[in-house]
Structures are given as C-alpha cells and as structure tokens.
Amino acid sequence: MIGSSTTHLRGVRLRALLGGLFMVVASACNGSGDGVGPTPQASLPADSTAKTDTSSTPGTPGDTTTTPIDSSFTPLPDDSTGLSTSVAAIDNRSGLPGIVFAVDNIPTDLLNSVYTGSKRGGGITPSNVLSLLSEARSRGARIVLKMSMGADSYIQNSDGTFSLSKWKSLVDRFKSVNLGPYISDGTLIGHFIIDEPHRAAKWGGKVIPQATVEAMAQYSKQTWPTLNTFVHTQMSWLASSSVTYTNLDAGYIQYAANKGEVTSWVTGEISKAKSKGLGIFVGLNAINGGNGSSGIRGTSSGNYSMSAKELTNYGTVLLNQSYDCGFVVWGYNSTYLGRSDVKSALSGLSSKAKTHAKTACRQ
C-alpha cells in the first residue's frame, strides 16, 4: 500500500513548451529493405520463452484488408487527430526521456537503450516482483504489470466466463508488497487489468461489461491510487458506454495491417479516447499483424510478421501522435527480434519514443 497519493484531476491541462514533441521523420532503417534474415515464406520458429503471457490476440482470421508498403511513404505531422484544443497531460515522475518503448514479455535482462520497457504477466509473483522492478530500474526501463497472471484461464469460471472474484484474488497477492517507490519514480508505470473484455468469444460467449472494467480499475486504485490502470480493447467500445471512467486511466490499442489504413485507424481511436477522458497506449502486433509482404509467417495460422518497412511506416505514424503515453511491440520472439533489419527498424522507433513528450496516461 502506498502511504500517500496524489490526486490526479481529469481534464485538459495546458501543455508547457514541447520542443521535443515534433518527431524526426527520417528513420534509420528506411534504406535497409527486407533482404536480411529468413527467406520468403519462411516460418517464424516458436520461441519457448515468448508466451508466458497470452494477453494479446492477432487480427481477425480471414480479414484480407491490408495496408500496402509505399516506398514514398511520408509520415503525417505530429498529432494528426485534428483535435488541437485537447492536449495531453504530462507525467514527470520518471527521469527517463520521452515515453516507454516496450516489448511485450521481453526478459528483464534484455532491456536496454532500445527496448526500454516490458509488459509482464505470466510468472510474476509477490516474491519476485521487486527483483524484476529493481533490475528494470537499474537498466533505465519501465514496466507494466498484469497482476492477474498471463493466461486468461486464471481468471475464468469453469464455463469460460470472466470471474471477478478470481481476478481480485490474484491482484490481492500484491497488496502486501511495497510497490510504492517504483510507482513514485516511474519505474512501474501501469497495471494492465484485463485483455480484450469486448470479445465475447474469449470469455465464454459473454462480454465483460464496461462497468465491470471500471470496477476493476477502482479495485486497483484502492491499493495503488497513483498507479495507471490500462485495458487492451477498442476505444470505440469503451466510448460506446455511458460509463464515466473515473478509475480507468487509459486504453491500450494494437495496430495490425488488417485494421485498415494506419493514420485513419489511430486518429479514430485517439478521438474516442479523448471523448471519454482516457489516455492511450499504442502498439504494433509485429508478430502476427503484417500484411504479408515480409514473407515471414507468424505464430498464428494465416498471419505474417511485419517487415522492417511496415514497422517503420506504421510505427512512425503511431509515434507522431502527441497523445500517446507509451508504445509496446507485441510480442517477444528472439528469432524475429534477432533479424538485423527488424533491429534497425525498432531502434529507429525507439529513438522517436525518446523524443516524444512525456505524456501522462492519466488525463
């Protein structure tokens, strides 16, 4: 339990000088192409260390909508939402530059100047969480925790529906752990409370209501009042409810090529987030969200990993939005991340994240 908390007022805060907000358009990998690594149609080998947290899901199978690679691609100017009167709040708790550039479930010992954060769930316990956070702090990294473990099965009833009581029991395990210092200094930046509550098929045929999501965020705030609360879902789904999100701080959105043109998609999502007073954490489904141009088969049938050009093109558009409070790549796979072209593309995006304004997830 944190000894004291700072009350964050929702609403628009006037941003001070944002000299570093306008992104550098050029990327370090634009001329690298995709000739390095596995040959076309090569499958991406499964990584035995990659899937302790199954909190993200690839695009809808069978959806053939793609975003083509354009060699003349020019990212839009910073903050293309068209809502210039609504600016984001700033979070100065962390002394680290910009916003986090995370890889979902990447091992802590691989955090570095490029991969500056991780979203962790599976295998995280009250006995090892402080060691995780301490090492992340020593590496200049930031962490989002899923305190209800990784797989959805941990928080399901026997019929597959969501169990709030099971979720609470898992979260309760961390109440006795002193997370306060890591929240205060910005090492622990968020509590990832639930994944895709809008997908009935994932929860025994029953959607988890928006009111329940807000109640989960409230339960988290009772113990950690200043810890950001996140949910991975469509912002349009959150906005479709009359619920006032007082305790839920931000949505986590993940782009894949089958979601349509990236600029239209992200500006629409940000517009919905602003309409509900929510922050937004952006990301790429790099492993299973490509348009097929890479020739690298993903880990899910019929899906492809993103090429270096896709990473750069899509990621630049996402990072050019001033409203972002964080960026995450899904997910960790040593084979994919070991490709020289992918490493170059991600390094370029990480640099952009460092020059992004230190936007707060709590608005």
Protein backbone atom coordinates (compact mmCIF):
# COMPACT_ATOMS: atom_id res chain seq x y z
CA MET A 1 0.00 0.00 0.00
CA ILE A 2 1.26 3.42 -0.80
CA GLY A 3 1.50 5.74 2.20
CA SER A 4 0.15 8.78 0.41
CA SER A 5 -1.29 9.52 -3.02
CA THR A 6 -1.52 12.43 -5.37
CA THR A 7 -4.98 13.15 -6.69
CA HIS A 8 -4.88 13.47 -10.43
CA LEU A 9 -7.53 15.74 -11.90
CA ARG A 10 -9.03 14.59 -15.13
CA GLY A 11 -9.45 17.07 -17.92
CA VAL A 12 -7.27 19.02 -20.23
CA ARG A 13 -4.05 20.53 -18.91
CA LEU A 14 -2.30 23.20 -20.85
CA ARG A 15 0.97 21.80 -22.09
CA ALA A 16 4.16 23.75 -21.47
CA LEU A 17 6.95 24.11 -24.02
CA LEU A 18 7.02 20.92 -26.03
CA GLY A 19 10.17 21.46 -28.02
CA GLY A 20 10.82 17.76 -28.36
CA LEU A 21 7.28 16.88 -29.40
CA PHE A 22 7.63 17.18 -33.15
CA MET A 23 9.10 13.94 -34.36
CA VAL A 24 12.00 13.48 -36.67
CA VAL A 25 10.51 11.95 -39.78
CA ALA A 26 13.57 10.19 -41.10
CA SER A 27 14.16 6.66 -39.84
CA ALA A 28 17.46 4.86 -39.54
CA CYS A 29 16.23 1.89 -41.49
CA ASN A 30 14.39 3.35 -44.47
CA GLY A 31 17.00 2.14 -46.90
CA SER A 32 17.64 -1.21 -45.29
CA GLY A 33 14.96 -3.15 -47.15
CA ASP A 34 13.95 -6.63 -46.07
CA GLY A 35 16.69 -8.73 -47.59
CA VAL A 36 18.26 -9.78 -44.31
CA GLY A 37 17.01 -12.78 -42.39
CA PRO A 38 14.75 -15.69 -43.31
CA THR A 39 13.87 -16.22 -46.94
CA PRO A 40 10.34 -15.51 -48.16
CA GLN A 41 7.69 -17.89 -46.86
CA ALA A 42 9.97 -18.91 -44.02
CA SER A 43 8.06 -19.72 -40.87
CA LEU A 44 8.88 -17.89 -37.67
CA PRO A 45 10.06 -20.57 -35.24
CA ALA A 46 8.23 -20.74 -31.96
CA ASP A 47 10.16 -19.19 -29.09
CA SER A 48 9.85 -21.26 -25.95
CA THR A 49 10.40 -18.18 -23.77
CA ALA A 50 7.96 -15.96 -25.59
CA LYS A 51 4.48 -16.92 -24.47
CA THR A 52 4.04 -16.93 -20.72
CA ASP A 53 1.67 -14.01 -21.20
CA THR A 54 -1.02 -14.57 -23.82
CA SER A 55 -2.66 -11.22 -23.32
CA SER A 56 -2.65 -10.06 -26.94
CA THR A 57 -4.50 -11.54 -29.88
CA PRO A 58 -3.71 -11.22 -33.59
CA GLY A 59 -6.07 -9.74 -36.13
CA THR A 60 -9.26 -11.43 -37.19
CA PRO A 61 -8.51 -14.54 -39.33
CA GLY A 62 -9.74 -14.26 -42.86
CA ASP A 63 -9.65 -10.49 -43.00
CA THR A 64 -7.70 -9.70 -46.15
CA THR A 65 -7.68 -5.90 -45.78
CA THR A 66 -4.08 -4.78 -45.96
CA THR A 67 -2.04 -1.61 -45.89
CA PRO A 68 0.44 -1.72 -48.82
CA ILE A 69 4.07 -0.75 -48.44
CA ASP A 70 4.80 2.56 -50.13
CA SER A 71 8.43 3.42 -50.74
CA SER A 72 7.48 7.10 -50.88
CA PHE A 73 5.71 6.94 -47.53
CA THR A 74 5.76 10.28 -45.69
CA PRO A 75 4.52 10.29 -42.08
CA LEU A 76 1.98 12.92 -41.15
CA PRO A 77 2.90 15.84 -38.91
CA ASP A 78 2.79 15.35 -35.17
CA ASP A 79 -0.68 14.88 -33.69
CA SER A 80 -2.84 14.31 -36.73
CA THR A 81 -6.02 13.87 -34.68
CA GLY A 82 -7.31 17.28 -35.65
CA LEU A 83 -8.26 17.93 -32.04
CA SER A 84 -5.65 20.54 -31.26
CA THR A 85 -7.75 22.08 -28.49
CA SER A 86 -7.43 18.91 -26.42
CA VAL A 87 -3.86 18.33 -25.37
CA ALA A 88 -2.43 15.64 -23.19
CA ALA A 89 -1.26 15.91 -19.61
CA ILE A 90 2.41 15.43 -18.78
CA ASP A 91 3.89 12.80 -16.44
CA ASN A 92 7.26 13.79 -14.98
CA ARG A 93 7.61 11.01 -12.42
CA SER A 94 10.29 9.25 -14.43
CA GLY A 95 13.59 10.95 -15.15
CA LEU A 96 13.91 8.88 -18.33
CA PRO A 97 13.37 10.62 -21.67
CA GLY A 98 10.12 10.50 -23.59
CA ILE A 99 7.68 7.61 -23.41
CA VAL A 100 8.48 3.94 -22.89
CA PHE A 101 9.32 1.75 -25.92
CA ALA A 102 8.36 -1.69 -24.65
CA VAL A 103 8.33 -5.24 -25.97
CA ASP A 104 5.61 -7.47 -24.57
CA ASN A 105 7.07 -10.06 -22.21
CA ILE A 106 10.72 -9.41 -23.07
CA PRO A 107 13.02 -10.81 -20.34
CA THR A 108 14.26 -8.12 -17.98
CA ASP A 109 17.91 -8.87 -18.71
CA LEU A 110 17.33 -7.87 -22.35
CA LEU A 111 16.06 -4.41 -21.51
CA ASN A 112 18.47 -1.84 -22.92
CA SER A 113 18.72 1.54 -24.62
CA VAL A 114 16.40 0.36 -27.44
CA TYR A 115 13.93 -1.83 -25.55
CA THR A 116 13.20 0.48 -22.64
CA GLY A 117 10.29 -1.39 -21.12
CA SER A 118 8.17 -4.51 -20.89
CA LYS A 119 4.62 -5.61 -20.18
CA ARG A 120 4.84 -8.61 -17.88
CA GLY A 121 2.24 -11.00 -16.51
CA GLY A 122 2.91 -14.73 -16.56
CA GLY A 123 5.29 -15.89 -13.86
CA ILE A 124 5.24 -12.63 -11.90
CA THR A 125 4.63 -13.24 -8.19
CA PRO A 126 4.82 -11.25 -4.95
CA SER A 127 8.14 -12.95 -4.20
CA ASN A 128 9.88 -11.94 -7.43
CA VAL A 129 8.20 -8.69 -8.48
CA LEU A 130 10.53 -6.42 -6.50
CA SER A 131 13.58 -8.06 -8.07
CA LEU A 132 12.02 -7.52 -11.50
CA LEU A 133 11.34 -3.87 -10.79
CA SER A 134 14.75 -3.30 -9.23
CA GLU A 135 16.53 -4.70 -12.27
CA ALA A 136 14.30 -2.69 -14.62
CA ARG A 137 15.15 0.46 -12.68
CA SER A 138 18.86 -0.28 -12.87
CA ARG A 139 18.57 -0.65 -16.66
CA GLY A 140 16.67 2.61 -17.09
CA ALA A 141 13.47 0.76 -18.04
CA ARG A 142 9.78 0.99 -17.23
CA ILE A 143 7.33 -1.84 -16.55
CA VAL A 144 3.61 -2.51 -16.96
CA LEU A 145 2.39 -5.39 -14.76
CA LYS A 146 -0.52 -7.73 -15.32
CA MET A 147 -1.12 -8.82 -11.73
CA SER A 148 -3.69 -11.47 -12.65
CA MET A 149 -1.06 -13.69 -14.29
CA GLY A 150 -0.72 -14.21 -18.02
CA ALA A 151 -3.26 -16.63 -19.45
CA ASP A 152 -6.97 -15.80 -19.38
CA SER A 153 -7.69 -19.21 -17.86
CA TYR A 154 -6.52 -17.94 -14.47
CA ILE A 155 -9.49 -15.59 -14.27
CA GLN A 156 -12.22 -17.70 -15.87
CA ASN A 157 -15.05 -19.74 -14.43
CA SER A 158 -15.48 -23.36 -15.47
CA ASP A 159 -17.68 -22.26 -18.39
CA GLY A 160 -15.04 -19.82 -19.64
CA THR A 161 -16.80 -16.67 -18.45
CA PHE A 162 -14.90 -14.00 -16.55
CA SER A 163 -14.56 -14.39 -12.79
CA LEU A 164 -14.18 -11.09 -10.96
CA SER A 165 -13.55 -12.91 -7.70
CA LYS A 166 -10.65 -14.89 -9.18
CA TRP A 167 -9.21 -11.70 -10.65
CA LYS A 168 -9.41 -9.94 -7.29
CA SER A 169 -7.76 -12.86 -5.52
CA LEU A 170 -4.77 -12.76 -7.86
CA VAL A 171 -4.44 -8.99 -7.56
CA ASP A 172 -4.72 -9.23 -3.78
CA ARG A 173 -1.48 -11.20 -3.66
CA PHE A 174 0.45 -7.99 -4.31
CA LYS A 175 -1.22 -5.86 -1.62
CA SER A 176 1.48 -6.64 0.93
CA VAL A 177 4.32 -5.80 -1.50
CA ASN A 178 5.77 -2.28 -1.27
CA LEU A 179 5.37 -1.16 -4.87
CA GLY A 180 5.15 2.49 -3.84
CA PRO A 181 8.77 3.56 -4.52
CA TYR A 182 8.64 2.09 -8.03
CA ILE A 183 5.36 3.83 -8.77
CA SER A 184 6.66 7.15 -7.44
CA ASP A 185 9.81 7.13 -9.57
CA GLY A 186 8.04 5.98 -12.75
CA THR A 187 9.59 2.50 -12.96
CA LEU A 188 6.19 0.84 -12.55
CA ILE A 189 4.01 2.78 -14.96
CA GLY A 190 0.83 0.76 -15.10
CA HIS A 191 -1.45 -2.06 -14.03
CA PHE A 192 -2.73 -3.98 -17.07
CA ILE A 193 -6.06 -5.05 -15.64
CA ILE A 194 -7.70 -7.06 -18.44
CA ASP A 195 -7.26 -8.09 -22.06
CA GLU A 196 -9.98 -7.64 -24.69
CA PRO A 197 -13.09 -7.57 -22.49
CA HIS A 198 -15.14 -6.74 -25.59
CA ARG A 199 -14.51 -10.14 -27.21
CA ALA A 200 -17.34 -12.41 -26.14
CA ALA A 201 -15.70 -15.45 -27.75
CA LYS A 202 -12.77 -15.02 -25.40
CA TRP A 203 -14.94 -15.01 -22.28
CA GLY A 204 -17.31 -17.92 -22.63
CA GLY A 205 -19.62 -16.08 -25.00
CA LYS A 206 -20.20 -13.14 -22.65
CA VAL A 207 -18.68 -9.69 -22.98
CA ILE A 208 -17.18 -8.23 -19.80
CA PRO A 209 -19.23 -5.04 -19.33
CA GLN A 210 -17.56 -1.63 -19.36
CA ALA A 211 -18.89 -1.03 -15.85
CA THR A 212 -17.01 -4.12 -14.67
CA VAL A 213 -13.81 -2.85 -16.29
CA GLU A 214 -14.22 0.43 -14.40
CA ALA A 215 -14.91 -1.50 -11.17
CA MET A 216 -11.66 -3.46 -11.69
CA ALA A 217 -9.76 -0.21 -12.13
CA GLN A 218 -11.39 1.12 -8.97
CA TYR A 219 -10.31 -2.00 -7.08
CA SER A 220 -6.73 -1.42 -8.21
CA LYS A 221 -6.84 2.25 -7.19
CA GLN A 222 -7.94 1.33 -3.68
CA THR A 223 -4.50 -0.15 -3.11
CA TRP A 224 -2.36 1.83 -5.58
CA PRO A 225 -4.07 5.22 -6.08
CA THR A 226 -1.39 6.69 -8.35
CA LEU A 227 -0.71 3.59 -10.47
CA ASN A 228 -2.09 3.91 -14.01
CA THR A 229 -4.76 1.39 -15.00
CA PHE A 230 -4.87 0.01 -18.57
CA VAL A 231 -7.22 -2.17 -20.59
CA HIS A 232 -6.49 -3.66 -24.02
CA THR A 233 -9.58 -3.02 -26.09
CA GLN A 234 -11.04 -0.87 -28.84
CA MET A 235 -11.50 2.72 -27.76
CA SER A 236 -14.78 2.79 -29.68
CA TRP A 237 -16.05 0.03 -27.39
CA LEU A 238 -15.11 1.98 -24.27
CA ALA A 239 -16.70 5.11 -25.75
CA SER A 240 -19.93 3.29 -26.66
CA SER A 241 -20.87 3.02 -22.99
CA SER A 242 -22.36 5.73 -20.80
CA VAL A 243 -19.93 4.71 -18.04
CA THR A 244 -17.81 7.56 -16.69
CA TYR A 245 -14.26 6.26 -16.35
CA THR A 246 -13.04 7.72 -13.10
CA ASN A 247 -10.54 4.99 -12.22
CA LEU A 248 -9.65 3.55 -15.62
CA ASP A 249 -6.84 5.71 -16.97
CA ALA A 250 -6.05 4.51 -20.47
CA GLY A 251 -6.76 2.10 -23.27
CA TYR A 252 -4.06 0.01 -24.91
CA ILE A 253 -4.56 -0.27 -28.67
CA GLN A 254 -2.59 -2.52 -31.01
CA TYR A 255 -2.31 -1.96 -34.75
CA ALA A 256 -2.30 -4.76 -37.33
CA ALA A 257 -2.45 -4.32 -41.10
CA ASN A 258 -5.93 -5.86 -41.34
CA LYS A 259 -7.32 -2.94 -39.33
CA GLY A 260 -7.08 -0.67 -42.37
CA GLU A 261 -5.07 2.44 -43.13
CA VAL A 262 -2.98 3.24 -40.07
CA THR A 263 -3.48 7.00 -39.86
CA SER A 264 -7.27 6.78 -40.07
CA TRP A 265 -7.28 3.99 -37.52
CA VAL A 266 -5.13 5.68 -34.89
CA THR A 267 -6.74 9.11 -35.22
CA GLY A 268 -10.15 7.50 -34.81
CA GLU A 269 -9.00 5.65 -31.70
CA ILE A 270 -7.49 8.80 -30.18
CA SER A 271 -10.66 10.76 -30.88
CA LYS A 272 -12.69 8.16 -28.99
CA ALA A 273 -10.19 8.15 -26.11
CA LYS A 274 -10.39 11.93 -25.79
CA SER A 275 -14.18 11.82 -25.82
CA LYS A 276 -14.07 9.72 -22.62
CA GLY A 277 -11.16 11.49 -20.94
CA LEU A 278 -8.89 8.47 -21.32
CA GLY A 279 -5.21 8.26 -22.19
CA ILE A 280 -3.92 5.91 -24.86
CA PHE A 281 -1.05 3.41 -25.02
CA VAL A 282 -0.25 2.46 -28.63
CA GLY A 283 1.43 -0.59 -30.08
CA LEU A 284 2.11 -2.89 -33.03
CA ASN A 285 1.25 -6.56 -33.46
CA ALA A 286 4.65 -7.18 -35.03
CA ILE A 287 4.50 -10.98 -34.85
CA ASN A 288 1.08 -11.64 -36.41
CA GLY A 289 -0.07 -8.26 -37.75
CA GLY A 290 1.83 -7.86 -41.02
CA ASN A 291 0.31 -7.50 -44.49
CA GLY A 292 2.22 -10.49 -45.91
CA SER A 293 4.93 -8.51 -47.68
CA SER A 294 7.61 -9.77 -45.28
CA GLY A 295 7.15 -13.40 -46.27
CA ILE A 296 7.67 -14.31 -42.60
CA ARG A 297 4.85 -16.47 -41.34
CA GLY A 298 3.63 -15.54 -37.89
CA THR A 299 2.90 -17.80 -34.97
CA SER A 300 -0.82 -17.81 -35.79
CA SER A 301 -2.16 -19.62 -38.85
CA GLY A 302 -2.62 -17.38 -41.88
CA ASN A 303 -0.83 -14.43 -40.34
CA TYR A 304 2.51 -12.81 -41.13
CA SER A 305 5.03 -10.87 -39.13
CA MET A 306 5.66 -7.25 -40.04
CA SER A 307 8.56 -6.37 -42.31
CA ALA A 308 11.08 -3.71 -41.30
CA LYS A 309 9.35 -1.25 -43.63
CA GLU A 310 5.99 -1.97 -42.05
CA LEU A 311 7.42 -1.47 -38.57
CA THR A 312 8.87 1.88 -39.60
CA ASN A 313 5.84 3.09 -41.56
CA TYR A 314 3.17 2.09 -39.08
CA GLY A 315 5.24 2.84 -36.00
CA THR A 316 6.16 6.33 -37.17
CA VAL A 317 2.51 7.25 -37.66
CA LEU A 318 1.66 5.96 -34.18
CA LEU A 319 4.57 7.76 -32.53
CA ASN A 320 3.76 11.01 -34.31
CA GLN A 321 0.61 11.29 -32.20
CA SER A 322 1.23 13.64 -29.27
CA TYR A 323 -1.48 11.91 -27.21
CA ASP A 324 0.45 8.61 -26.86
CA CYS A 325 1.61 7.77 -23.34
CA GLY A 326 3.56 4.64 -24.28
CA PHE A 327 4.43 2.24 -27.08
CA VAL A 328 4.62 -1.57 -26.98
CA VAL A 329 5.67 -4.14 -29.59
CA TRP A 330 3.87 -7.48 -29.44
CA GLY A 331 5.49 -9.72 -28.77
CA TYR A 332 8.82 -11.10 -27.72
CA ASN A 333 10.39 -13.66 -30.07
CA SER A 334 14.17 -13.94 -30.17
CA THR A 335 14.25 -15.12 -33.80
CA TYR A 336 12.22 -12.18 -35.07
CA LEU A 337 13.98 -9.60 -32.91
CA GLY A 338 17.32 -11.06 -33.98
CA ARG A 339 16.83 -10.04 -37.62
CA SER A 340 19.16 -7.16 -38.46
CA ASP A 341 16.50 -5.28 -40.44
CA VAL A 342 13.98 -5.60 -37.63
CA LYS A 343 16.55 -4.45 -35.07
CA SER A 344 17.34 -1.41 -37.18
CA ALA A 345 13.67 -0.51 -37.60
CA LEU A 346 12.91 -0.89 -33.91
CA SER A 347 15.97 1.14 -32.96
CA GLY A 348 14.69 3.99 -35.12
CA LEU A 349 11.25 3.84 -33.50
CA SER A 350 12.77 3.71 -30.03
CA SER A 351 14.62 6.94 -30.79
CA LYS A 352 11.32 8.57 -31.72
CA ALA A 353 9.78 7.40 -28.44
CA LYS A 354 12.64 9.06 -26.55
CA THR A 355 11.89 12.42 -28.19
CA HIS A 356 8.15 12.18 -27.58
CA ALA A 357 6.71 14.45 -24.91
CA LYS A 358 6.40 12.72 -21.51
CA THR A 359 2.68 12.32 -21.93
CA ALA A 360 0.64 11.07 -18.99
CA CYS A 361 -1.68 8.10 -19.35
CA ARG A 362 -3.99 9.60 -16.74
CA GLN A 363 -5.78 12.55 -18.35
